[in-house]
Amino acid sequence: MSTISLRLPESVHRRVRELAAAEEVSINQFITSAVIEKMAALLTVDYLRQRAARGDRAKFERALAVVPDVPPDEGDEYPSLQGSGG
């Protein structure tokens, strides 16, 4: 495990301390969790970009062609845009 020195503005430090206390975790655990969440978000974007780059429109069209053309199940309908101003 590594140790880092982190400088935070007092207002941020105070709020982190309050939030960590509310979550019943240490400030260290709170900040570690925040860093992990940010990493996951960034890595997910990278992963999705890589997957999109491998996409093949012809394969997509072939797969879509075998999907039955039936109405959606009740509750799965696409919401109507009428009256929404859009």
Protein backbone atom coordinates (compact mmCIF):
# COMPACT_ATOMS: atom_id res chain seq x y z
CA MET A 1 0.00 0.00 0.00
CA SER A 2 1.18 3.53 -0.76
CA THR A 3 0.95 6.71 1.24
CA ILE A 4 0.33 10.09 -0.34
CA SER A 5 0.14 13.57 1.06
CA LEU A 6 -2.98 15.36 -0.08
CA ARG A 7 -3.62 19.07 0.29
CA LEU A 8 -7.28 20.05 0.40
CA PRO A 9 -8.88 23.42 0.91
CA GLU A 10 -10.20 23.64 4.47
CA SER A 11 -13.81 23.81 3.25
CA VAL A 12 -13.38 20.60 1.25
CA HIS A 13 -11.60 18.86 4.13
CA ARG A 14 -14.40 19.87 6.52
CA ARG A 15 -17.08 18.54 4.17
CA VAL A 16 -15.17 15.29 3.54
CA ARG A 17 -14.82 14.81 7.29
CA GLU A 18 -18.60 15.34 7.73
CA LEU A 19 -19.52 13.00 4.91
CA ALA A 20 -17.11 10.31 6.07
CA ALA A 21 -18.55 10.54 9.59
CA ALA A 22 -22.09 10.27 8.19
CA GLU A 23 -21.04 7.14 6.28
CA GLU A 24 -19.26 5.82 9.38
CA VAL A 25 -15.95 5.42 7.55
CA SER A 26 -12.56 7.03 7.94
CA ILE A 27 -11.57 9.99 5.79
CA ASN A 28 -9.00 7.69 4.17
CA GLN A 29 -11.69 5.14 3.27
CA PHE A 30 -13.95 7.89 1.97
CA ILE A 31 -11.28 9.39 -0.29
CA THR A 32 -10.14 5.95 -1.46
CA SER A 33 -13.72 5.14 -2.40
CA ALA A 34 -14.07 8.43 -4.29
CA VAL A 35 -10.87 7.76 -6.25
CA ILE A 36 -12.02 4.23 -7.11
CA GLU A 37 -15.41 5.52 -8.30
CA LYS A 38 -13.74 8.12 -10.54
CA MET A 39 -11.35 5.51 -11.94
CA ALA A 40 -14.25 3.18 -12.69
CA ALA A 41 -16.09 5.92 -14.57
CA LEU A 42 -13.05 6.83 -16.67
CA LEU A 43 -12.13 3.22 -17.37
CA THR A 44 -15.71 2.46 -18.40
CA VAL A 45 -15.63 5.28 -20.94
CA ASP A 46 -12.34 3.92 -22.34
CA TYR A 47 -13.78 0.39 -22.49
CA LEU A 48 -16.91 1.56 -24.30
CA ARG A 49 -14.86 3.56 -26.81
CA GLN A 50 -12.75 0.49 -27.55
CA ARG A 51 -15.87 -1.66 -27.98
CA ALA A 52 -17.46 0.96 -30.24
CA ALA A 53 -14.34 1.03 -32.41
CA ARG A 54 -14.73 -2.72 -32.97
CA GLY A 55 -18.37 -2.31 -33.97
CA ASP A 56 -19.50 -3.64 -37.32
CA ARG A 57 -22.61 -2.06 -38.85
CA ALA A 58 -23.26 -5.03 -41.15
CA LYS A 59 -23.22 -7.48 -38.22
CA PHE A 60 -25.54 -5.18 -36.28
CA GLU A 61 -27.98 -5.03 -39.20
CA ARG A 62 -27.92 -8.85 -39.54
CA ALA A 63 -28.62 -9.29 -35.82
CA LEU A 64 -31.40 -6.71 -35.91
CA ALA A 65 -32.97 -8.42 -38.92
CA VAL A 66 -33.73 -11.54 -36.86
CA VAL A 67 -35.47 -9.65 -34.05
CA PRO A 68 -39.23 -10.23 -34.32
CA ASP A 69 -41.31 -7.19 -35.28
CA VAL A 70 -43.85 -7.35 -32.47
CA PRO A 71 -45.24 -4.71 -30.14
CA PRO A 72 -43.43 -4.35 -26.81
CA ASP A 73 -44.75 -6.01 -23.67
CA GLU A 74 -47.02 -3.88 -21.53
CA GLY A 75 -44.92 -1.41 -19.56
CA ASP A 76 -42.01 -1.63 -22.02
CA GLU A 77 -43.46 0.89 -24.47
CA TYR A 78 -41.33 3.84 -25.49
CA PRO A 79 -42.76 6.94 -23.80
CA SER A 80 -44.71 9.26 -26.05
CA LEU A 81 -43.16 12.65 -26.72
CA GLN A 82 -46.54 14.29 -27.29
CA GLY A 83 -47.21 17.15 -24.92
CA SER A 84 -43.64 17.21 -23.63
CA GLY A 85 -42.65 20.19 -25.76
CA GLY A 86 -40.14 18.04 -27.64
